[in-house]
């Protein structure tokens, strides 16, 4: 019973720190917020926050992980309900991802996430961020295999390779969307739609 209580207390502190950090990062900018400020508002000591997350980058990574847990559930529901072509599935995937991203963190904070993932590519942040991407790619591959079983996608296609390719295409558009405040959700949707239209045209059989 005591162990269960300690676990609940730990989970409560963890969630409180993330809630405060997310709000402060959004309102003031990631670089302008300190661990000490997060700890103070969370009614914890800085040492406790460091013990949970090791660093401010660790908090950022935990926020990405929390965001991805929600996103993966949304993608499962979206892919399960989808009945159209592969292109429309990827378009819906990109739309779902971008709208979820904007509901969870704002563009400036996502820019910090992307910057950290590049700068720490071989470190813990970079490896964990890449691992989260691989889970999402796996969802796309599962959808492709499902469509192959229904003869909607050629059986000759390697589902894992195609999923990686399509994720990378969408990821480029996501980076562009995050990098430029002038790029709206609708503009990003249109860009990915044009990409997918060209791919369909390229591989369409000719007479």
Protein backbone atom coordinates (compact mmCIF):
# COMPACT_ATOMS: atom_id res chain seq x y z
CA UNK A 1 0.00 0.00 0.00
CA UNK A 2 2.81 2.42 0.89
CA UNK A 3 4.57 1.69 -2.38
CA UNK A 4 1.34 2.37 -4.30
CA UNK A 5 0.95 5.69 -2.49
CA UNK A 6 4.53 6.66 -3.32
CA UNK A 7 3.94 5.77 -6.96
CA UNK A 8 0.81 7.93 -7.03
CA UNK A 9 2.67 10.82 -5.45
CA UNK A 10 5.50 10.48 -7.96
CA UNK A 11 3.08 10.38 -10.89
CA UNK A 12 1.27 13.44 -9.51
CA UNK A 13 4.51 15.43 -9.21
CA UNK A 14 5.61 14.33 -12.68
CA UNK A 15 2.32 15.48 -14.22
CA UNK A 16 2.38 18.77 -12.27
CA UNK A 17 5.89 19.61 -13.45
CA UNK A 18 4.97 18.94 -17.07
CA UNK A 19 1.77 20.98 -16.82
CA UNK A 20 3.64 23.97 -15.41
CA UNK A 21 6.52 23.63 -17.87
CA UNK A 22 4.22 23.34 -20.86
CA UNK A 23 2.31 26.48 -19.87
CA UNK A 24 5.45 28.48 -19.11
CA UNK A 25 7.21 27.42 -22.31
CA UNK A 26 4.15 28.45 -24.30
CA UNK A 27 3.72 31.81 -22.58
CA UNK A 28 7.35 32.90 -22.17
CA UNK A 29 9.43 30.84 -24.58
CA UNK A 30 11.54 27.80 -23.75
CA UNK A 31 14.83 29.69 -23.40
CA UNK A 32 13.32 32.23 -20.98
CA UNK A 33 12.11 29.68 -18.41
CA UNK A 34 14.35 28.16 -15.76
CA UNK A 35 14.16 24.93 -13.81
CA UNK A 36 13.97 27.00 -10.63
CA UNK A 37 10.86 28.82 -11.89
CA UNK A 38 9.19 25.58 -12.89
CA UNK A 39 10.01 24.08 -9.49
CA UNK A 40 8.70 27.12 -7.62
CA UNK A 41 5.35 27.09 -9.41
CA UNK A 42 5.11 23.31 -9.04
CA UNK A 43 5.69 23.75 -5.28
CA UNK A 44 8.71 21.47 -5.43
CA UNK A 45 12.43 21.95 -4.96
CA UNK A 46 14.69 22.37 -8.02
CA UNK A 47 16.50 19.21 -6.89
CA UNK A 48 13.24 17.26 -7.18
CA UNK A 49 12.66 18.53 -10.73
CA UNK A 50 16.22 17.61 -11.69
CA UNK A 51 15.73 14.19 -10.11
CA UNK A 52 12.67 13.57 -12.29
CA UNK A 53 13.95 14.96 -15.59
CA UNK A 54 17.73 15.58 -15.25
CA UNK A 55 17.56 18.85 -17.23
CA UNK A 56 15.27 21.31 -18.94
CA UNK A 57 15.84 19.40 -22.18
CA UNK A 58 14.63 16.32 -20.33
CA UNK A 59 11.38 18.14 -19.54
CA UNK A 60 11.03 19.07 -23.22
CA UNK A 61 11.54 15.44 -24.22
CA UNK A 62 8.94 14.30 -21.68
CA UNK A 63 6.47 16.77 -23.18
CA UNK A 64 7.14 15.32 -26.64
CA UNK A 65 6.57 11.83 -25.27
CA UNK A 66 3.31 12.89 -23.64
CA UNK A 67 2.23 14.54 -26.89
CA UNK A 68 3.06 11.44 -28.92
CA UNK A 69 1.02 9.16 -26.63
CA UNK A 70 -2.04 11.26 -27.44
CA UNK A 71 -1.12 11.45 -31.14
CA UNK A 72 -0.68 7.69 -31.49
CA UNK A 73 -4.19 7.11 -30.15
CA UNK A 74 -5.54 9.67 -32.63
CA UNK A 75 -3.66 8.02 -35.50
CA UNK A 76 -4.99 4.57 -34.55
CA UNK A 77 -8.54 5.91 -34.67
CA UNK A 78 -7.95 7.79 -37.92
CA UNK A 79 -6.35 4.86 -39.76
CA UNK A 80 -9.04 2.46 -38.51
CA UNK A 81 -11.80 4.69 -39.84
CA UNK A 82 -10.09 5.54 -43.13
CA UNK A 83 -11.56 3.92 -46.26
CA UNK A 84 -9.93 5.90 -49.08
CA UNK A 85 -6.70 5.64 -51.06
CA UNK A 86 -3.19 5.49 -49.61
CA UNK A 87 -2.60 9.10 -50.67
CA UNK A 88 -5.70 10.26 -48.81
CA UNK A 89 -4.60 8.25 -45.76
CA UNK A 90 -1.22 10.02 -45.73
CA UNK A 91 -2.93 13.38 -46.25
CA UNK A 92 -5.18 12.64 -43.26
CA UNK A 93 -2.12 11.50 -41.30
CA UNK A 94 -0.30 14.78 -41.96
CA UNK A 95 -3.39 16.81 -41.14
CA UNK A 96 -3.95 14.89 -37.89
CA UNK A 97 -0.31 15.26 -36.85
CA UNK A 98 -0.13 19.01 -37.49
CA UNK A 99 -3.42 19.81 -35.80
CA UNK A 100 -2.49 17.73 -32.79
CA UNK A 101 0.91 19.44 -32.62
CA UNK A 102 -0.72 22.88 -32.56
CA UNK A 103 -3.21 21.80 -29.90
CA UNK A 104 -0.38 20.67 -27.63
CA UNK A 105 2.53 23.08 -28.18
CA UNK A 106 2.96 26.25 -30.20
CA UNK A 107 5.40 26.70 -33.08
CA UNK A 108 8.21 28.37 -31.07
CA UNK A 109 8.29 25.45 -28.63
CA UNK A 110 8.23 22.90 -31.47
CA UNK A 111 11.19 24.73 -33.00
CA UNK A 112 13.06 24.13 -29.75
CA UNK A 113 12.10 20.45 -29.93
CA UNK A 114 13.34 20.08 -33.51
CA UNK A 115 16.53 21.99 -32.73
CA UNK A 116 17.25 19.79 -29.72
CA UNK A 117 16.59 16.62 -31.73
CA UNK A 118 19.17 17.71 -34.34
CA UNK A 119 21.80 19.04 -31.95
CA UNK A 120 21.53 15.95 -29.74
CA UNK A 121 21.07 13.50 -32.61
CA UNK A 122 23.28 10.80 -31.08
CA UNK A 123 22.39 11.60 -27.48
CA UNK A 124 19.41 10.65 -25.36
CA UNK A 125 17.09 13.32 -26.76
CA UNK A 126 17.95 12.55 -30.38
CA UNK A 127 17.67 8.78 -29.94
CA UNK A 128 14.37 9.01 -28.06
CA UNK A 129 12.90 11.46 -30.57
CA UNK A 130 13.91 9.15 -33.42
CA UNK A 131 12.40 6.17 -31.60
CA UNK A 132 9.10 8.02 -31.31
CA UNK A 133 9.21 8.69 -35.06
CA UNK A 134 9.81 4.99 -35.72
CA UNK A 135 6.64 4.12 -33.81
CA UNK A 136 4.65 6.51 -36.02
CA UNK A 137 6.26 5.04 -39.15
CA UNK A 138 5.19 1.63 -37.91
CA UNK A 139 1.58 2.83 -37.80
CA UNK A 140 1.83 3.88 -41.45
CA UNK A 141 3.41 0.56 -42.40
CA UNK A 142 0.59 -1.31 -40.65
CA UNK A 143 -1.94 0.70 -42.65
CA UNK A 144 -0.12 -0.10 -45.90
CA UNK A 145 -0.09 -3.82 -45.08
CA UNK A 146 -3.80 -3.66 -44.30
CA UNK A 147 -4.43 -2.04 -47.69
CA UNK A 148 -2.24 -4.67 -49.38
CA UNK A 149 -4.43 -7.40 -47.92
CA UNK A 150 -7.41 -5.65 -49.50
CA UNK A 151 -5.61 -5.28 -52.88
CA UNK A 152 -5.61 -1.49 -52.54
CA UNK A 153 -1.80 -1.33 -52.57
CA UNK A 154 0.47 -3.54 -54.65
CA UNK A 155 1.78 -6.61 -52.82
CA UNK A 156 5.16 -5.93 -54.45
CA UNK A 157 5.59 -2.80 -52.33
CA UNK A 158 7.78 -3.06 -49.22
CA UNK A 159 5.44 -1.60 -46.60
CA UNK A 160 8.20 -0.57 -44.19
CA UNK A 161 10.25 1.21 -46.85
CA UNK A 162 7.22 2.98 -48.32
CA UNK A 163 6.07 4.05 -44.86
CA UNK A 164 9.52 5.50 -44.15
CA UNK A 165 9.45 7.37 -47.46
CA UNK A 166 5.98 8.80 -46.94
CA UNK A 167 6.73 9.78 -43.36
CA UNK A 168 9.88 11.59 -44.51
CA UNK A 169 7.89 13.48 -47.13
CA UNK A 170 5.32 14.56 -44.57
CA UNK A 171 8.09 15.40 -42.09
CA UNK A 172 9.66 17.87 -44.52
CA UNK A 173 6.34 19.67 -44.81
CA UNK A 174 5.99 19.59 -41.01
CA UNK A 175 9.43 21.21 -40.60
CA UNK A 176 8.48 23.92 -43.09
CA UNK A 177 5.20 24.51 -41.29
CA UNK A 178 6.88 24.79 -37.89
CA UNK A 179 9.75 26.97 -39.16
CA UNK A 180 7.57 29.71 -40.65
CA UNK A 181 4.81 31.41 -38.66
CA UNK A 182 3.31 32.60 -41.96
CA UNK A 183 2.56 29.02 -43.05
CA UNK A 184 -0.94 28.09 -41.93
CA UNK A 185 -2.37 24.64 -41.33
CA UNK A 186 -4.31 24.95 -44.57
CA UNK A 187 -1.19 25.91 -46.52
CA UNK A 188 0.67 22.91 -45.11
CA UNK A 189 -2.26 20.65 -46.05
CA UNK A 190 -2.21 21.98 -49.61
CA UNK A 191 1.57 21.48 -49.93
CA UNK A 192 1.35 17.84 -48.87
CA UNK A 193 -1.66 17.28 -51.14
CA UNK A 194 0.34 18.58 -54.13
CA UNK A 195 3.23 16.29 -53.21
CA UNK A 196 0.98 13.26 -53.08
CA UNK A 197 -0.80 14.22 -56.31
CA UNK A 198 2.55 14.33 -58.10
CA UNK A 199 3.52 10.92 -56.77
CA UNK A 200 0.25 9.45 -57.99
CA UNK A 201 0.81 11.05 -61.41
CA UNK A 202 4.39 9.78 -61.57
CA UNK A 203 3.43 6.18 -60.96
CA UNK A 204 0.19 6.18 -62.95
CA UNK A 205 0.43 3.66 -65.83
CA UNK A 206 0.65 5.21 -69.29
CA UNK A 207 -1.00 3.92 -72.43
